[in-house]
Amino acid sequence: MRCLTKILTFLVAVVFLIACQKEKMSSSSDTILYFSDNIITFDTLFTSIGSPTKNLRVTNLTNENITISSVKLAGGDQNGFRLNVNGEASNETFNVQIAPKDSIFIFIEATLGKNGTSGPHITEDSIIFLVKNVEQKVKLKAWGQDFVLINTNKIKSAVWTKDRPYLVYNEAVVDSNQTLTIEAGTAVYFHKNAGLMVKGTLIVSGTVDEPVEFKGDRLEQAYSDIPDQWNGIILCSGSHNNVINFAKIRNANIGLQVGTIEHSGFASVELSNTRIENMSWSGIWAMKSKILAYNCLISNVRYYNTALLLGGDYQFYHSTFANYYNNISSGVRTTGTLLISNYLVDTKSGVRYVGDLKSATFGNCIITGNRVNELQMALDSKGEANYLFDRSLIQISDTFKIGDLSRFTGIIRNVNPRFKSPYTGNFELDTLSIAKDYGKSEYSKLYPTDLKNDSRISDDGPDLGAFERIERKR
C-alpha cells in the first residue's frame, strides 16, 4: 500500500508540474518530448521578406538524459522555413541533449517565396524529432502575400489598385504636378520610419465596403494597436485638391499632416468617412492649411489627437474626436483631444510664428476623452481668431472659461457621450446617449449618411458625431 501511495504521489506531482507550465502537452502513449505548441503559426508574411522569430520550447520531463537523434525540417530548405536549435542554426541538427527536467529552445523563421497570386497563400512544413526510433512532429504554417514594393523617392502620376498590397520602404514622395490615385480596397503598408509625402495630389477612393488602408508592415496580432510603426501621410504646403474618402489610417507617428511650415502657401484636403486611430504624436496635425472634413473618427493618440495650428480654414461636421489613450507604460496623457491655435513657437530658435485663423467650425461633432478638459485654445491677438462650436458635445469642465458665448452655440458640456466601448475602439453611441437626435438638421442634410453609410435623416433627428444610432424596431 505504501508503494502504491508513493506512485500515486509521484504521478500527481508530474501532472501538477505539467499544469503549472501551462503548455500544450501531447497525450500520445509513445511520446518522449513535450512541446510548448503543437503548431507554430506565422501571421501573413510579405513574400521574400523575413518573418519575426517564433520560438518552440522542447521539454524532457523524465529523470534521465534524452538524446534527440535528429531535429530537422521535413521539407529541408524548400519551403522557406529556418531553424536554430539550441543555438545552432541549421535545418537538420543531430544528437541534441536535454538534461532531466530541462528544456531547449528552437527558434523558427520564415522567408516565403512569391506565389503569383493576389491573395495570401499558405505554406506548410513540420519539424521532425527522432528519439529512440520514435518520431514526433510539430507543424509549421505560414501565409505568404505577394506585394508591390515602393522603394523610390519620387512617384509620378500612378494608380494603385487592390490586386496586391503596396509595401513602402523609406519615404515615398508624390512629386509636384503629379497625382497618386488609390482605388477602393487597396492596402498600403509602411516599413518602420517610412511615410508618404505628397507635393502633388493624393486621391484616395475607398468605399464603405472596401476602404483604403494605411498601416505598418508588422502584421502580427500583437502589433494591431501599437502606435509609431511608421511616419504617416504628409500633404505639403502647395499640395491641393487632395481627397481622402473611406480610408483607415492606423498606428503611425502622425496620421495625417496637412501643411508644412518650411513651404510657402498652404495645403488643402477634403477628408471624409475616414478613421485615424492609434497614433503616437498626432492624429491630424494641420498648419496654416484648409480642411473640409465630415464623418471622420480621430481617436486614441498619445499626445495631440487633433492639432490645428498657425491659423488656417477648418470645417469639421459630424465627426468624432475621442481620446481614450490608455497606455500605462507611456505615462498619463497631459494634452487635450483638440488643440486650436493661430501661432506656433519654434522650440529651437524661440521664434513665434503667428497666422490667421480664418475659420474653425465644428458642427454636430463630439470632442471628448478621459481627461477633465479635452479642448485647448491658444490664440494670439496679432492674428485672426474665428471659430465656432455649433451643436456639439465637448468634454470641458464647468470651470472652463468659454469667453465669447456666441462661439459656443447649443453645446453640451461635461457630459459622457456614452459610447458603446471607447477603450476597445467602439465609438458608436449607446441607446441612452445624450448625443442622440441632438444634431442640427442643416448639417445632416449636407451629409445625410454616416461613417457606416447609415441614414441620418430617417429618424427623429441626426445624432452628434460620426455614427448614427439606428434603433432596431421591435
Protein backbone atom coordinates (compact mmCIF):
# COMPACT_ATOMS: atom_id res chain seq x y z
CA MET A 1 0.00 0.00 0.00
CA ARG A 2 2.86 2.40 0.87
CA CYS A 3 4.44 1.70 -2.54
CA LEU A 4 1.15 2.42 -4.29
CA THR A 5 0.78 5.66 -2.32
CA LYS A 6 4.27 6.80 -3.39
CA ILE A 7 3.49 6.03 -7.03
CA LEU A 8 0.24 7.99 -6.89
CA THR A 9 2.01 10.89 -5.18
CA PHE A 10 4.67 10.92 -7.93
CA LEU A 11 2.02 10.89 -10.67
CA VAL A 12 0.13 13.75 -9.05
CA ALA A 13 3.38 15.75 -8.83
CA VAL A 14 4.11 15.20 -12.53
CA VAL A 15 0.59 16.23 -13.50
CA PHE A 16 0.89 19.32 -11.30
CA LEU A 17 4.24 20.23 -12.88
CA ILE A 18 2.81 19.94 -16.37
CA ALA A 19 -0.24 22.04 -15.43
CA CYS A 20 1.93 24.76 -13.87
CA GLN A 21 3.88 25.13 -17.09
CA LYS A 22 0.62 25.96 -18.88
CA GLU A 23 1.88 24.34 -22.06
CA LYS A 24 0.21 22.08 -24.61
CA MET A 25 1.47 18.55 -23.98
CA SER A 26 0.90 15.61 -26.27
CA SER A 27 -1.14 12.77 -24.76
CA SER A 28 0.15 10.04 -27.07
CA SER A 29 1.45 6.96 -25.24
CA ASP A 30 4.70 6.84 -27.23
CA THR A 31 5.69 10.49 -26.75
CA ILE A 32 9.02 11.27 -25.19
CA LEU A 33 9.30 15.00 -25.77
CA TYR A 34 6.79 17.63 -24.78
CA PHE A 35 6.26 20.84 -26.77
CA SER A 36 5.04 24.28 -25.84
CA ASP A 37 2.96 24.25 -29.04
CA ASN A 38 1.88 21.57 -31.45
CA ILE A 39 1.53 24.05 -34.31
CA ILE A 40 3.69 27.13 -34.95
CA THR A 41 1.71 29.64 -36.98
CA PHE A 42 3.00 32.77 -38.67
CA ASP A 43 0.60 35.60 -39.41
CA THR A 44 0.53 36.78 -43.01
CA LEU A 45 4.08 37.49 -44.24
CA PHE A 46 5.23 39.50 -47.20
CA THR A 47 6.93 37.10 -49.58
CA SER A 48 10.71 37.48 -49.92
CA ILE A 49 10.87 39.37 -46.60
CA GLY A 50 11.94 37.58 -43.44
CA SER A 51 9.48 36.94 -40.65
CA PRO A 52 9.72 37.74 -36.95
CA THR A 53 11.22 34.89 -34.90
CA LYS A 54 8.96 32.34 -33.24
CA ASN A 55 10.14 30.00 -30.51
CA LEU A 56 9.31 26.45 -29.53
CA ARG A 57 10.14 25.02 -26.12
CA VAL A 58 11.04 21.32 -26.08
CA THR A 59 10.93 19.71 -22.62
CA ASN A 60 12.26 16.49 -21.11
CA LEU A 61 10.07 15.67 -18.12
CA THR A 62 11.81 12.37 -17.35
CA ASN A 63 14.52 11.70 -14.78
CA GLU A 64 17.01 10.67 -17.45
CA ASN A 65 19.03 12.42 -20.13
CA ILE A 66 17.43 12.36 -23.55
CA THR A 67 19.37 12.40 -26.79
CA ILE A 68 17.41 13.56 -29.79
CA SER A 69 18.97 11.73 -32.71
CA SER A 70 17.91 14.45 -35.15
CA VAL A 71 15.86 17.60 -35.36
CA LYS A 72 15.05 18.55 -38.93
CA LEU A 73 12.63 20.30 -41.24
CA ALA A 74 10.61 17.78 -43.23
CA GLY A 75 10.89 19.99 -46.29
CA GLY A 76 14.52 20.87 -45.79
CA ASP A 77 15.35 24.19 -47.43
CA GLN A 78 12.48 24.01 -49.91
CA ASN A 79 9.65 25.81 -48.10
CA GLY A 80 11.41 28.85 -46.73
CA PHE A 81 11.49 27.95 -43.02
CA ARG A 82 14.71 28.13 -40.98
CA LEU A 83 15.65 26.60 -37.63
CA ASN A 84 18.03 27.47 -34.84
CA VAL A 85 18.23 24.52 -32.45
CA ASN A 86 19.60 25.49 -29.04
CA GLY A 87 21.98 28.00 -30.60
CA GLU A 88 22.89 26.05 -33.74
CA ALA A 89 21.50 27.50 -36.97
CA SER A 90 20.70 24.51 -39.17
CA ASN A 91 17.65 22.88 -40.71
CA GLU A 92 18.97 19.50 -39.56
CA THR A 93 20.77 19.03 -36.23
CA PHE A 94 22.00 15.74 -34.73
CA ASN A 95 22.44 14.36 -31.20
CA VAL A 96 20.78 17.13 -29.24
CA GLN A 97 20.99 16.55 -25.47
CA ILE A 98 18.30 17.52 -22.97
CA ALA A 99 19.01 17.00 -19.28
CA PRO A 100 16.36 15.61 -16.91
CA LYS A 101 13.53 18.06 -16.18
CA ASP A 102 15.17 20.53 -18.55
CA SER A 103 14.28 22.20 -21.85
CA ILE A 104 15.80 23.53 -25.04
CA PHE A 105 14.51 26.25 -27.33
CA ILE A 106 14.13 26.09 -31.07
CA PHE A 107 13.82 29.39 -32.94
CA ILE A 108 11.93 29.40 -36.22
CA GLU A 109 11.92 32.00 -39.01
CA ALA A 110 10.42 32.02 -42.49
CA THR A 111 11.11 33.76 -45.77
CA LEU A 112 8.47 32.66 -48.25
CA GLY A 113 8.86 32.74 -52.00
CA LYS A 114 6.49 34.65 -54.27
CA ASN A 115 3.35 32.67 -55.00
CA GLY A 116 2.00 34.56 -58.03
CA THR A 117 -1.48 35.04 -56.56
CA SER A 118 -3.33 38.14 -55.44
CA GLY A 119 -4.29 36.80 -52.01
CA PRO A 120 -2.39 35.06 -49.21
CA HIS A 121 -1.10 31.56 -49.97
CA ILE A 122 -0.45 29.01 -47.23
CA THR A 123 2.91 27.25 -46.85
CA GLU A 124 3.19 24.26 -44.53
CA ASP A 125 6.04 22.18 -43.16
CA SER A 126 6.90 20.35 -39.96
CA ILE A 127 9.77 19.88 -37.53
CA ILE A 128 10.58 16.20 -37.08
CA PHE A 129 12.13 14.94 -33.83
CA LEU A 130 13.61 11.45 -33.71
CA VAL A 131 14.28 9.86 -30.31
CA LYS A 132 14.93 6.10 -29.93
CA ASN A 133 13.27 5.47 -33.30
CA VAL A 134 10.18 7.32 -32.14
CA GLU A 135 9.20 10.21 -34.42
CA GLN A 136 7.32 13.28 -33.21
CA LYS A 137 6.27 16.31 -35.21
CA VAL A 138 5.43 19.97 -34.71
CA LYS A 139 3.58 21.53 -37.63
CA LEU A 140 4.55 24.85 -39.22
CA LYS A 141 2.11 27.11 -41.05
CA ALA A 142 2.65 30.47 -42.72
CA TRP A 143 0.60 32.61 -45.07
CA GLY A 144 2.59 34.47 -47.71
CA GLN A 145 1.35 37.57 -49.51
CA ASP A 146 2.90 38.93 -52.72
CA PHE A 147 3.22 42.72 -52.81
CA VAL A 148 4.31 45.71 -54.84
CA LEU A 149 7.45 47.28 -53.41
CA ILE A 150 7.64 51.08 -53.35
CA ASN A 151 11.26 51.88 -52.62
CA THR A 152 11.75 55.06 -54.61
CA ASN A 153 11.82 58.67 -53.54
CA LYS A 154 9.76 60.11 -56.40
CA ILE A 155 6.35 58.86 -57.57
CA LYS A 156 5.00 60.06 -60.90
CA SER A 157 1.26 60.02 -61.66
CA ALA A 158 0.03 56.50 -60.96
CA VAL A 159 -2.98 54.41 -59.96
CA TRP A 160 -2.61 51.89 -57.13
CA THR A 161 -5.12 49.03 -57.25
CA LYS A 162 -6.28 46.36 -54.82
CA ASP A 163 -4.76 43.47 -56.80
CA ARG A 164 -1.78 43.34 -54.45
CA PRO A 165 -0.86 45.31 -51.33
CA TYR A 166 1.82 48.01 -51.56
CA LEU A 167 4.81 48.00 -49.23
CA VAL A 168 6.58 51.33 -48.80
CA TYR A 169 10.20 51.45 -47.71
CA ASN A 170 11.82 54.80 -46.86
CA GLU A 171 9.90 57.94 -47.84
CA ALA A 172 7.79 57.86 -50.97
CA VAL A 173 7.16 61.31 -52.47
CA VAL A 174 4.34 62.16 -54.88
CA ASP A 175 6.14 64.77 -56.95
CA SER A 176 4.81 68.24 -57.74
CA ASN A 177 2.19 68.31 -60.51
CA GLN A 178 1.74 64.51 -60.18
CA THR A 179 -1.32 62.63 -58.90
CA LEU A 180 -1.41 59.37 -56.99
CA THR A 181 -4.83 57.69 -57.10
CA ILE A 182 -5.50 54.80 -54.73
CA GLU A 183 -8.53 52.69 -55.58
CA ALA A 184 -11.05 51.08 -53.23
CA GLY A 185 -9.88 48.03 -51.31
CA THR A 186 -6.18 48.82 -51.65
CA ALA A 187 -3.90 48.13 -48.68
CA VAL A 188 -0.74 50.22 -48.24
CA TYR A 189 1.81 49.05 -45.67
CA PHE A 190 4.77 51.06 -44.41
CA HIS A 191 8.07 49.83 -43.01
CA LYS A 192 9.48 51.44 -39.86
CA ASN A 193 10.32 55.14 -40.45
CA ALA A 194 8.65 55.06 -43.89
CA GLY A 195 5.96 57.50 -44.94
CA LEU A 196 4.09 59.10 -47.82
CA MET A 197 4.82 62.73 -48.67
CA VAL A 198 2.57 64.49 -51.16
CA LYS A 199 3.79 67.54 -53.05
CA GLY A 200 1.34 66.94 -55.87
CA THR A 201 -2.13 65.46 -55.30
CA LEU A 202 -3.45 62.41 -53.46
CA ILE A 203 -6.82 60.86 -54.36
CA VAL A 204 -7.99 58.06 -52.05
CA SER A 205 -11.18 56.50 -53.41
CA GLY A 206 -12.34 53.98 -50.83
CA THR A 207 -15.90 52.79 -50.29
CA VAL A 208 -17.84 51.72 -47.21
CA ASP A 209 -17.31 48.05 -48.12
CA GLU A 210 -13.77 48.46 -49.45
CA PRO A 211 -11.91 51.18 -47.56
CA VAL A 212 -8.30 52.02 -48.38
CA GLU A 213 -5.99 51.03 -45.52
CA PHE A 214 -2.72 52.64 -44.46
CA LYS A 215 -0.77 50.89 -41.69
CA GLY A 216 2.56 49.45 -40.57
CA ASP A 217 4.06 46.28 -42.03
CA ARG A 218 4.13 44.31 -38.77
CA LEU A 219 1.11 42.09 -39.34
CA GLU A 220 1.21 40.10 -36.10
CA GLN A 221 -1.84 40.49 -33.87
CA ALA A 222 0.36 41.90 -31.10
CA TYR A 223 1.06 44.97 -33.27
CA SER A 224 -2.55 45.69 -34.22
CA ASP A 225 -2.84 48.70 -31.88
CA ILE A 226 0.80 49.76 -31.44
CA PRO A 227 1.46 53.40 -32.48
CA ASP A 228 4.58 54.84 -34.16
CA GLN A 229 5.13 51.93 -36.55
CA TRP A 230 5.57 54.34 -39.50
CA ASN A 231 5.79 58.09 -40.07
CA GLY A 232 2.40 58.94 -41.59
CA ILE A 233 0.98 60.87 -44.56
CA ILE A 234 2.18 64.43 -45.18
CA LEU A 235 0.38 66.84 -47.51
CA CYS A 236 2.96 69.56 -48.14
CA SER A 237 2.04 73.22 -48.37
CA GLY A 238 1.33 73.81 -52.05
CA SER A 239 -0.44 70.43 -52.38
CA HIS A 240 -4.08 70.98 -53.40
CA ASN A 241 -7.23 69.12 -54.49
CA ASN A 242 -6.42 66.21 -52.19
CA VAL A 243 -9.35 63.88 -51.49
CA ILE A 244 -9.36 61.10 -48.90
CA ASN A 245 -12.63 59.14 -48.74
CA PHE A 246 -13.30 55.94 -46.80
CA ALA A 247 -9.77 55.40 -45.53
CA LYS A 248 -8.35 53.76 -42.41
CA ILE A 249 -5.08 55.28 -41.20
CA ARG A 250 -3.60 53.42 -38.25
CA ASN A 251 -0.58 53.08 -35.97
CA ALA A 252 1.69 55.86 -37.27
CA ASN A 253 3.50 58.76 -35.62
CA ILE A 254 1.29 61.42 -37.25
CA GLY A 255 -1.69 60.00 -39.11
CA LEU A 256 -2.29 62.92 -41.45
CA GLN A 257 -0.22 66.10 -41.56
CA VAL A 258 -1.77 68.90 -43.59
CA GLY A 259 0.66 71.69 -44.39
CA THR A 260 4.38 72.12 -43.76
CA ILE A 261 5.94 75.13 -42.09
CA GLU A 262 9.02 75.11 -44.34
CA HIS A 263 7.00 75.51 -47.54
CA SER A 264 5.10 78.62 -48.63
CA GLY A 265 1.37 78.61 -49.23
CA PHE A 266 -0.99 76.04 -47.74
CA ALA A 267 -2.29 72.50 -48.30
CA SER A 268 -5.93 71.58 -48.83
CA VAL A 269 -7.86 68.33 -48.44
CA GLU A 270 -11.40 67.01 -48.35
CA LEU A 271 -11.40 64.29 -45.72
CA SER A 272 -14.50 62.11 -45.42
CA ASN A 273 -15.64 58.81 -43.95
CA THR A 274 -12.17 58.20 -42.55
CA ARG A 275 -10.84 56.64 -39.37
CA ILE A 276 -7.49 57.84 -37.96
CA GLU A 277 -6.54 55.73 -34.95
CA ASN A 278 -3.71 54.81 -32.57
CA MET A 279 -1.09 57.45 -33.30
CA SER A 280 1.92 58.45 -31.27
CA TRP A 281 2.20 62.21 -31.80
CA SER A 282 -0.99 63.35 -33.55
CA GLY A 283 -3.99 62.05 -35.48
CA ILE A 284 -4.35 65.22 -37.55
CA TRP A 285 -1.58 67.84 -37.45
CA ALA A 286 -2.53 70.85 -39.57
CA MET A 287 -0.63 74.09 -40.12
CA LYS A 288 -1.92 77.17 -41.97
CA SER A 289 -3.99 74.96 -44.23
CA LYS A 290 -7.52 74.12 -45.34
CA ILE A 291 -9.55 71.06 -44.33
CA LEU A 292 -13.15 70.13 -45.06
CA ALA A 293 -13.93 67.00 -43.04
CA TYR A 294 -17.09 65.03 -42.33
CA ASN A 295 -17.94 61.58 -40.99
CA CYS A 296 -14.45 61.22 -39.53
CA LEU A 297 -13.26 59.45 -36.40
CA ILE A 298 -9.95 60.56 -34.88
CA SER A 299 -9.16 58.53 -31.79
CA ASN A 300 -6.62 57.35 -29.23
CA VAL A 301 -3.41 59.33 -29.66
CA ARG A 302 -0.53 59.64 -27.19
CA TYR A 303 -0.25 63.43 -27.49
CA TYR A 304 -2.40 65.56 -29.81
CA ASN A 305 -5.47 63.85 -31.14
CA THR A 306 -6.09 66.80 -33.48
CA ALA A 307 -3.98 69.97 -33.60
CA LEU A 308 -4.92 72.94 -35.81
CA LEU A 309 -2.01 75.39 -35.74
CA LEU A 310 -0.83 78.65 -37.28
CA GLY A 311 -4.32 79.56 -38.37
CA GLY A 312 -6.00 78.21 -41.47
CA ASP A 313 -9.52 77.31 -42.58
CA TYR A 314 -11.02 74.21 -40.97
CA GLN A 315 -14.55 72.83 -41.30
CA PHE A 316 -15.49 69.67 -39.39
CA TYR A 317 -19.01 68.22 -39.47
CA HIS A 318 -20.44 65.07 -37.91
CA SER A 319 -17.00 63.99 -36.70
CA THR A 320 -15.91 62.27 -33.51
CA PHE A 321 -12.71 63.38 -31.74
CA ALA A 322 -12.23 60.87 -28.93
CA ASN A 323 -9.07 60.24 -26.95
CA TYR A 324 -9.09 57.36 -24.52
CA TYR A 325 -5.41 56.60 -24.90
CA ASN A 326 -4.62 54.28 -22.01
CA ASN A 327 -1.03 53.01 -22.37
CA ILE A 328 0.24 52.98 -18.78
CA SER A 329 3.88 52.48 -19.82
CA SER A 330 3.80 55.77 -21.76
CA GLY A 331 2.61 57.80 -18.80
CA VAL A 332 -0.53 59.85 -18.25
CA ARG A 333 -1.74 61.88 -21.21
CA THR A 334 -1.47 65.63 -20.50
CA THR A 335 -2.73 67.11 -23.76
CA GLY A 336 -6.31 67.76 -24.84
CA THR A 337 -8.16 65.96 -27.59
CA LEU A 338 -8.46 69.12 -29.70
CA LEU A 339 -5.92 71.95 -29.84
CA ILE A 340 -6.68 75.15 -31.78
CA SER A 341 -4.02 77.84 -32.12
CA ASN A 342 -3.19 80.64 -34.52
CA TYR A 343 0.50 80.56 -33.63
CA LEU A 344 3.41 78.16 -33.30
CA VAL A 345 6.68 78.57 -31.41
CA ASP A 346 9.91 77.12 -32.81
CA THR A 347 11.33 75.29 -29.79
CA LYS A 348 14.90 75.60 -31.09
CA SER A 349 15.01 79.29 -32.02
CA GLY A 350 12.19 80.53 -29.81
CA VAL A 351 10.66 82.36 -32.78
CA ARG A 352 6.89 82.76 -32.56
CA TYR A 353 5.03 82.42 -35.86
CA VAL A 354 1.52 83.89 -35.96
CA GLY A 355 -1.12 83.14 -38.61
CA ASP A 356 -4.75 83.97 -39.24
CA LEU A 357 -7.42 81.53 -38.15
CA LYS A 358 -9.93 82.29 -40.89
CA SER A 359 -12.33 79.68 -39.59
CA ALA A 360 -12.53 76.64 -37.32
CA THR A 361 -16.09 75.33 -37.38
CA PHE A 362 -17.31 72.21 -35.61
CA GLY A 363 -20.92 71.28 -36.37
CA ASN A 364 -22.69 68.25 -34.88
CA CYS A 365 -19.36 66.97 -33.53
CA ILE A 366 -18.24 65.11 -30.40
CA ILE A 367 -14.99 66.22 -28.72
CA THR A 368 -14.27 64.07 -25.70
CA GLY A 369 -11.88 61.75 -23.87
CA ASN A 370 -10.76 60.62 -20.44
CA ARG A 371 -9.40 64.00 -19.23
CA VAL A 372 -11.32 66.76 -17.48
CA ASN A 373 -10.73 69.27 -20.28
CA GLU A 374 -10.36 67.99 -23.84
CA LEU A 375 -10.35 71.37 -25.61
CA GLN A 376 -7.28 73.61 -25.64
CA MET A 377 -7.27 77.07 -27.23
CA ALA A 378 -4.14 79.21 -27.69
CA LEU A 379 -4.84 82.39 -29.62
CA ASP A 380 -2.54 85.34 -30.30
CA SER A 381 -4.24 88.74 -30.64
CA LYS A 382 -1.87 89.59 -33.51
CA GLY A 383 -3.68 87.10 -35.75
CA GLU A 384 -7.32 86.46 -36.65
CA ALA A 385 -9.19 84.02 -34.40
CA ASN A 386 -12.52 82.91 -35.86
CA TYR A 387 -14.03 79.72 -34.52
CA LEU A 388 -17.46 78.21 -33.83
CA PHE A 389 -18.70 75.16 -31.94
CA ASP A 390 -22.27 74.58 -33.06
CA ARG A 391 -24.47 71.82 -31.62
CA SER A 392 -21.52 69.79 -30.42
CA LEU A 393 -20.70 67.80 -27.30
CA ILE A 394 -17.45 68.98 -25.70
CA GLN A 395 -15.69 67.50 -22.68
CA ILE A 396 -14.81 70.65 -20.75
CA SER A 397 -15.27 71.21 -17.03
CA ASP A 398 -17.83 73.60 -15.58
CA THR A 399 -14.97 75.94 -14.68
CA PHE A 400 -13.64 76.12 -18.25
CA LYS A 401 -13.72 79.76 -19.38
CA ILE A 402 -15.64 79.85 -22.63
CA GLY A 403 -15.27 83.58 -23.21
CA ASP A 404 -17.38 84.66 -26.19
CA LEU A 405 -20.65 82.73 -25.84
CA SER A 406 -21.55 83.39 -29.48
CA ARG A 407 -18.76 80.99 -30.46
CA PHE A 408 -20.33 78.12 -28.47
CA THR A 409 -23.93 77.68 -29.59
CA GLY A 410 -26.13 74.87 -28.35
CA ILE A 411 -23.24 72.86 -26.97
CA ILE A 412 -23.38 70.02 -24.45
CA ARG A 413 -20.51 70.30 -21.98
CA ASN A 414 -19.06 67.93 -19.40
CA VAL A 415 -21.42 65.05 -20.20
CA ASN A 416 -20.43 61.47 -21.01
CA PRO A 417 -21.45 60.75 -24.62
CA ARG A 418 -21.93 57.08 -23.71
CA PHE A 419 -20.00 55.31 -26.42
CA LYS A 420 -20.53 51.58 -26.67
CA SER A 421 -16.95 50.65 -25.74
CA PRO A 422 -14.43 53.51 -26.05
CA TYR A 423 -11.48 51.64 -24.55
CA THR A 424 -11.77 48.95 -27.20
CA GLY A 425 -12.27 51.42 -30.05
CA ASN A 426 -16.05 51.29 -30.49
CA PHE A 427 -17.31 54.89 -30.64
CA GLU A 428 -20.85 54.17 -31.74
CA LEU A 429 -23.49 55.64 -29.43
CA ASP A 430 -25.30 53.73 -26.74
CA THR A 431 -29.08 53.84 -26.78
CA LEU A 432 -29.11 56.23 -23.76
CA SER A 433 -26.61 58.72 -25.23
CA ILE A 434 -27.44 62.39 -24.85
CA ALA A 435 -25.92 62.91 -28.31
CA LYS A 436 -28.81 61.04 -29.95
CA ASP A 437 -31.08 63.16 -32.17
CA TYR A 438 -29.41 66.36 -30.88
CA GLY A 439 -27.77 67.45 -34.12
CA LYS A 440 -28.64 70.38 -36.35
CA SER A 441 -30.59 69.34 -39.42
CA GLU A 442 -28.77 71.86 -41.65
CA TYR A 443 -25.61 69.80 -41.30
CA SER A 444 -27.26 66.39 -41.62
CA LYS A 445 -28.90 67.45 -44.88
CA LEU A 446 -25.45 68.20 -46.27
CA TYR A 447 -24.12 64.83 -45.04
CA PRO A 448 -27.19 62.54 -44.86
CA THR A 449 -25.30 59.26 -44.28
CA ASP A 450 -22.83 58.42 -41.52
CA LEU A 451 -19.44 56.69 -41.44
CA LYS A 452 -21.16 53.31 -41.82
CA ASN A 453 -23.36 54.63 -44.64
CA ASP A 454 -26.47 54.59 -42.42
CA SER A 455 -29.06 57.32 -42.88
CA ARG A 456 -29.07 60.31 -40.53
CA ILE A 457 -32.37 61.70 -41.76
CA SER A 458 -34.71 58.74 -41.32
CA ASP A 459 -35.44 59.09 -37.57
CA ASP A 460 -36.28 61.86 -35.08
CA GLY A 461 -33.07 63.80 -35.69
CA PRO A 462 -29.40 63.50 -36.54
CA ASP A 463 -27.04 62.24 -33.85
CA LEU A 464 -23.81 64.03 -32.99
CA GLY A 465 -20.53 62.55 -34.18
CA ALA A 466 -19.58 60.21 -36.98
CA PHE A 467 -22.06 57.43 -36.16
CA GLU A 468 -25.86 57.50 -36.29
CA ARG A 469 -27.54 55.30 -33.71
CA ILE A 470 -30.01 53.01 -35.52
CA GLU A 471 -32.62 51.62 -33.16
CA ARG A 472 -33.98 48.20 -34.01
CA LYS A 473 -37.74 48.06 -34.32
CA ARG A 474 -39.38 45.51 -32.08
